[in-house]
Protein backbone atom coordinates (compact mmCIF):
# COMPACT_ATOMS: atom_id res chain seq x y z
CA MET A 1 -34.08 -44.88 -20.24
CA GLY A 2 -35.36 -42.33 -17.80
CA SER A 3 -32.47 -43.01 -15.44
CA SER A 4 -29.94 -42.72 -18.28
CA LYS A 5 -31.22 -39.28 -19.17
CA ILE A 6 -31.12 -38.18 -15.55
CA GLY A 7 -27.54 -39.41 -15.22
CA VAL A 8 -26.49 -37.53 -18.34
CA PHE A 9 -28.49 -34.51 -17.25
CA ARG A 10 -26.72 -34.44 -13.89
CA LYS A 11 -23.30 -34.56 -15.51
CA VAL A 12 -24.14 -31.64 -17.78
CA GLU A 13 -25.33 -29.55 -14.82
CA ALA A 14 -22.42 -30.51 -12.56
CA GLN A 15 -19.68 -29.62 -15.04
CA PRO A 16 -20.62 -25.96 -15.59
CA GLU A 17 -21.03 -25.38 -11.84
CA GLU A 18 -17.68 -26.99 -11.03
CA GLN A 19 -15.95 -25.09 -13.82
CA ALA A 20 -17.51 -21.75 -12.88
CA GLN A 21 -16.54 -21.94 -9.21
CA PRO A 22 -12.80 -22.62 -9.63
CA SER A 23 -12.41 -19.91 -12.28
CA GLU A 24 -14.06 -17.31 -10.01
CA ALA A 25 -12.12 -18.23 -6.87
CA PRO A 26 -8.63 -17.51 -8.24
CA LYS A 27 -9.74 -14.07 -9.42
CA GLN A 28 -10.79 -13.19 -5.87
CA ASP A 29 -7.57 -14.61 -4.43
CA GLN A 30 -5.49 -12.61 -6.91
CA LYS A 31 -7.21 -9.36 -5.97
CA GLU A 32 -6.70 -9.99 -2.26
CA THR A 33 -3.05 -10.88 -2.83
CA GLU A 34 -2.28 -7.88 -5.06
CA THR A 35 -3.93 -5.20 -2.94
CA PRO A 36 -1.69 -5.45 0.16
CA GLN A 37 1.44 -5.50 -2.01
CA GLU A 38 0.39 -2.31 -3.78
CA THR A 39 -0.55 -0.39 -0.62
CA THR A 40 2.24 -1.46 1.73
CA PRO A 41 5.76 -2.11 0.46
CA SER A 42 7.58 -4.78 2.45
CA ASN A 43 8.15 -3.66 6.06
CA VAL A 44 7.89 0.05 5.29
CA VAL A 45 6.17 2.43 7.70
CA ASP A 46 3.09 4.24 6.48
CA LYS A 47 3.67 7.50 4.59
CA GLN A 48 1.65 9.47 7.15
CA ILE A 49 3.86 8.14 9.96
CA ALA A 50 6.92 9.42 8.08
CA ILE A 51 5.28 12.84 7.73
CA ASP A 52 4.27 12.92 11.39
CA ASN A 53 7.78 11.94 12.54
CA ALA A 54 9.41 14.56 10.30
CA LEU A 55 7.13 17.30 11.59
CA ALA A 56 7.63 16.20 15.21
CA ASN A 57 11.37 16.37 14.66
CA ALA A 58 10.97 19.99 13.54
CA GLY A 59 8.57 20.74 16.40
CA LEU A 60 5.76 21.58 13.98
CA ALA A 61 2.24 20.47 13.14
CA GLN A 62 0.98 19.77 9.64
CA SER A 63 -1.15 22.92 9.86
CA ASP A 64 2.04 24.99 10.42
CA VAL A 65 3.65 24.11 7.08
CA SER A 66 2.97 24.46 3.37
CA ASP A 67 4.14 22.69 0.20
CA LEU A 68 4.37 19.38 2.05
CA SER A 69 5.56 16.35 0.09
CA CYS A 70 6.70 12.87 1.05
CA LYS A 71 8.47 10.47 -1.29
CA LEU A 72 9.77 6.93 -0.82
CA ASN A 73 13.04 6.32 -2.67
CA SER A 74 13.19 3.60 -5.34
CA ALA A 75 15.09 1.24 -3.04
CA LYS A 76 12.28 1.65 -0.48
CA THR A 77 14.79 2.38 2.28
CA GLU A 78 14.22 6.10 2.94
CA TYR A 79 11.44 8.66 2.91
CA THR A 80 12.20 12.26 2.08
CA VAL A 81 9.76 14.75 3.55
CA VAL A 82 9.99 18.31 2.23
CA PHE A 83 7.97 21.27 3.48
CA GLN A 84 8.02 25.03 3.71
CA PHE A 85 7.86 26.76 7.09
CA GLY A 86 7.91 30.51 6.86
CA ASP A 87 10.93 31.49 4.76
CA THR A 88 12.71 28.16 5.23
CA LYS A 89 12.50 24.97 3.22
CA ASN A 90 13.03 21.78 5.22
CA HIS A 91 14.28 18.43 3.89
CA ILE A 92 13.99 15.57 6.36
CA THR A 93 15.16 12.05 5.55
CA LEU A 94 13.73 9.12 7.50
CA ASP A 95 14.49 5.41 7.64
CA ALA A 96 11.54 3.80 5.82
CA HIS A 97 11.58 0.69 8.01
CA SER A 98 11.75 2.30 11.46
CA GLY A 99 10.44 5.82 10.78
CA GLU A 100 13.45 7.36 12.55
CA VAL A 101 14.90 10.65 11.32
CA ILE A 102 18.27 10.19 9.58
CA SER A 103 18.96 13.79 8.63
CA SER A 104 17.37 17.22 8.62
CA ILE A 105 18.43 20.04 6.32
CA ILE A 106 17.06 23.56 6.50
CA GLU A 107 17.58 25.92 3.56
């Protein structure tokens, strides 16, 4: 009888451990999978790169401008960087995949 109890005892211990490990593993995998998708849209340059390229195009540094904003359009194809330099407002559109300036408008 002692061996029967040990056999049953082992099954009871093994089942909770096996069930606990698989349920925890997918949660970790889901977090790792979701994080990169939230931070980096597919093949889009980093927002700071878009800002840096827009300012370089204007021959300015970030410390030279005010009211700086950078938005990625809903199609995730273009960034629009807007900033104030002196009395002028600048709108610079960049390709979101390459970071290249598409257009620059000064108001």
